Amino acid sequence: MSLDSRDVGKIAHLARIEISPDKVDEYAGNLSEILDLVEQMNEVDTSQVEAMAHPRDATLRLREDRVTESDMRERFLALSPASETGLFLVPKVIE
């Protein structure tokens, strides 16, 4: 599929990007090559290929869900400049 400068201008407008006039022909050539590659890939018969969710059909190893650290909430709250009812108090930043 071949794109001309008018097509590239329309695509640039829709994408809200500015392309300098001296680069339009270069972009037209590059985009045409990409579209040709897509057409070539669409011609490949994949009717006998089974769809897969993961290329290696691997399953994730799960770890045991257990607590590994002690509860230090009170210690951290004691180090903060201001806290109230178990929450950190911070200065207001939005008026």
C-alpha atoms as a PDB file:
ATOM      1  CA  MET A   1       0.000   0.000   0.000  1.00  0.00           C
ATOM      2  CA  SER A   2       1.447   3.308  -0.991  1.00  0.00           C
ATOM      3  CA  LEU A   3       0.747   6.532   0.847  1.00  0.00           C
ATOM      4  CA  ASP A   4       1.120   9.958  -0.703  1.00  0.00           C
ATOM      5  CA  SER A   5       1.878  13.280   0.954  1.00  0.00           C
ATOM      6  CA  ARG A   6      -1.827  14.091   1.326  1.00  0.00           C
ATOM      7  CA  ASP A   7      -2.396  10.843   3.267  1.00  0.00           C
ATOM      8  CA  VAL A   8       0.557  11.600   5.546  1.00  0.00           C
ATOM      9  CA  GLY A   9      -0.777  15.108   6.140  1.00  0.00           C
ATOM     10  CA  LYS A  10      -4.183  13.722   7.100  1.00  0.00           C
ATOM     11  CA  ILE A  11      -2.638  11.117   9.436  1.00  0.00           C
ATOM     12  CA  ALA A  12      -0.479  13.811  11.054  1.00  0.00           C
ATOM     13  CA  HIS A  13      -3.535  16.019  11.538  1.00  0.00           C
ATOM     14  CA  LEU A  14      -5.519  13.181  13.145  1.00  0.00           C
ATOM     15  CA  ALA A  15      -2.570  12.301  15.399  1.00  0.00           C
ATOM     16  CA  ARG A  16      -2.149  15.988  16.264  1.00  0.00           C
ATOM     17  CA  ILE A  17       1.516  16.013  15.271  1.00  0.00           C
ATOM     18  CA  GLU A  18       3.317  18.540  13.121  1.00  0.00           C
ATOM     19  CA  ILE A  19       5.488  17.282  10.290  1.00  0.00           C
ATOM     20  CA  SER A  20       7.748  19.670   8.433  1.00  0.00           C
ATOM     21  CA  PRO A  21       7.007  19.784   4.690  1.00  0.00           C
ATOM     22  CA  ASP A  22      10.496  18.552   3.766  1.00  0.00           C
ATOM     23  CA  LYS A  23       9.974  15.341   5.811  1.00  0.00           C
ATOM     24  CA  VAL A  24       6.552  14.388   4.397  1.00  0.00           C
ATOM     25  CA  ASP A  25       7.955  12.268   1.554  1.00  0.00           C
ATOM     26  CA  GLU A  26      10.286  10.429   3.963  1.00  0.00           C
ATOM     27  CA  TYR A  27       7.390   9.659   6.314  1.00  0.00           C
ATOM     28  CA  ALA A  28       5.234   8.548   3.389  1.00  0.00           C
ATOM     29  CA  GLY A  29       7.905   6.065   2.343  1.00  0.00           C
ATOM     30  CA  ASN A  30       8.418   4.734   5.880  1.00  0.00           C
ATOM     31  CA  LEU A  31       4.692   4.355   6.548  1.00  0.00           C
ATOM     32  CA  SER A  32       4.186   2.645   3.183  1.00  0.00           C
ATOM     33  CA  GLU A  33       6.899   0.109   4.067  1.00  0.00           C
ATOM     34  CA  ILE A  34       5.224  -0.589   7.410  1.00  0.00           C
ATOM     35  CA  LEU A  35       1.831  -1.087   5.763  1.00  0.00           C
ATOM     36  CA  ASP A  36       3.389  -3.379   3.143  1.00  0.00           C
ATOM     37  CA  LEU A  37       4.877  -5.484   5.944  1.00  0.00           C
ATOM     38  CA  VAL A  38       1.475  -5.692   7.655  1.00  0.00           C
ATOM     39  CA  GLU A  39      -0.120  -6.818   4.389  1.00  0.00           C
ATOM     40  CA  GLN A  40       2.595  -9.447   3.960  1.00  0.00           C
ATOM     41  CA  MET A  41       1.993 -10.747   7.490  1.00  0.00           C
ATOM     42  CA  ASN A  42      -1.777 -10.857   6.873  1.00  0.00           C
ATOM     43  CA  GLU A  43      -1.201 -13.190   3.922  1.00  0.00           C
ATOM     44  CA  VAL A  44       0.311 -15.884   6.178  1.00  0.00           C
ATOM     45  CA  ASP A  45      -2.103 -18.757   6.806  1.00  0.00           C
ATOM     46  CA  THR A  46      -2.574 -19.024  10.569  1.00  0.00           C
ATOM     47  CA  SER A  47      -5.762 -21.087  10.519  1.00  0.00           C
ATOM     48  CA  GLN A  48      -3.930 -24.141  11.904  1.00  0.00           C
ATOM     49  CA  VAL A  49      -2.135 -22.181  14.636  1.00  0.00           C
ATOM     50  CA  GLU A  50      -3.632 -22.499  18.103  1.00  0.00           C
ATOM     51  CA  ALA A  51      -3.978 -19.239  19.989  1.00  0.00           C
ATOM     52  CA  MET A  52      -2.088 -19.060  23.254  1.00  0.00           C
ATOM     53  CA  ALA A  53      -2.120 -16.695  26.183  1.00  0.00           C
ATOM     54  CA  HIS A  54       1.595 -17.046  26.898  1.00  0.00           C
ATOM     55  CA  PRO A  55       4.303 -18.077  24.446  1.00  0.00           C
ATOM     56  CA  ARG A  56       5.753 -20.658  26.812  1.00  0.00           C
ATOM     57  CA  ASP A  57       2.460 -21.730  28.424  1.00  0.00           C
ATOM     58  CA  ALA A  58       4.252 -21.245  31.719  1.00  0.00           C
ATOM     59  CA  THR A  59       2.542 -21.093  35.064  1.00  0.00           C
ATOM     60  CA  LEU A  60       3.633 -18.697  37.746  1.00  0.00           C
ATOM     61  CA  ARG A  61       5.301 -20.047  40.815  1.00  0.00           C
ATOM     62  CA  LEU A  62       3.426 -18.836  43.868  1.00  0.00           C
ATOM     63  CA  ARG A  63       5.093 -18.191  47.175  1.00  0.00           C
ATOM     64  CA  GLU A  64       3.566 -18.830  50.551  1.00  0.00           C
ATOM     65  CA  ASP A  65       1.693 -15.790  51.827  1.00  0.00           C
ATOM     66  CA  ARG A  66       3.214 -15.167  55.230  1.00  0.00           C
ATOM     67  CA  VAL A  67       4.270 -12.169  57.309  1.00  0.00           C
ATOM     68  CA  THR A  68       8.014 -11.565  57.174  1.00  0.00           C
ATOM     69  CA  GLU A  69       8.276  -8.236  59.012  1.00  0.00           C
ATOM     70  CA  SER A  70       7.098  -7.182  62.437  1.00  0.00           C
ATOM     71  CA  ASP A  71       4.495  -4.455  62.927  1.00  0.00           C
ATOM     72  CA  MET A  72       6.416  -1.219  63.511  1.00  0.00           C
ATOM     73  CA  ARG A  73       3.550   1.210  62.943  1.00  0.00           C
ATOM     74  CA  GLU A  74       3.729   2.812  66.388  1.00  0.00           C
ATOM     75  CA  ARG A  75       7.497   3.261  66.074  1.00  0.00           C
ATOM     76  CA  PHE A  76       7.168   5.019  62.730  1.00  0.00           C
ATOM     77  CA  LEU A  77       4.307   7.200  63.963  1.00  0.00           C
ATOM     78  CA  ALA A  78       6.444   8.230  66.959  1.00  0.00           C
ATOM     79  CA  LEU A  79       9.177   9.394  64.554  1.00  0.00           C
ATOM     80  CA  SER A  80       6.807  11.551  62.501  1.00  0.00           C
ATOM     81  CA  PRO A  81       6.463  15.278  63.235  1.00  0.00           C
ATOM     82  CA  ALA A  82       2.672  14.989  63.591  1.00  0.00           C
ATOM     83  CA  SER A  83       0.187  12.144  63.778  1.00  0.00           C
ATOM     84  CA  GLU A  84      -3.387  11.659  64.896  1.00  0.00           C
ATOM     85  CA  THR A  85      -5.411   8.473  65.471  1.00  0.00           C
ATOM     86  CA  GLY A  86      -2.766   6.332  63.794  1.00  0.00           C
ATOM     87  CA  LEU A  87      -2.394   8.532  60.691  1.00  0.00           C
ATOM     88  CA  PHE A  88       0.403  10.831  59.547  1.00  0.00           C
ATOM     89  CA  LEU A  89      -0.565  14.511  59.444  1.00  0.00           C
ATOM     90  CA  VAL A  90       0.881  16.480  56.546  1.00  0.00           C
ATOM     91  CA  PRO A  91       0.629  20.149  55.604  1.00  0.00           C
ATOM     92  CA  LYS A  92      -2.158  21.156  53.247  1.00  0.00           C
ATOM     93  CA  VAL A  93      -0.753  21.613  49.725  1.00  0.00           C
ATOM     94  CA  ILE A  94      -3.924  22.356  47.749  1.00  0.00           C
ATOM     95  CA  GLU A  95      -5.896  25.484  48.546  1.00  0.00           C
END
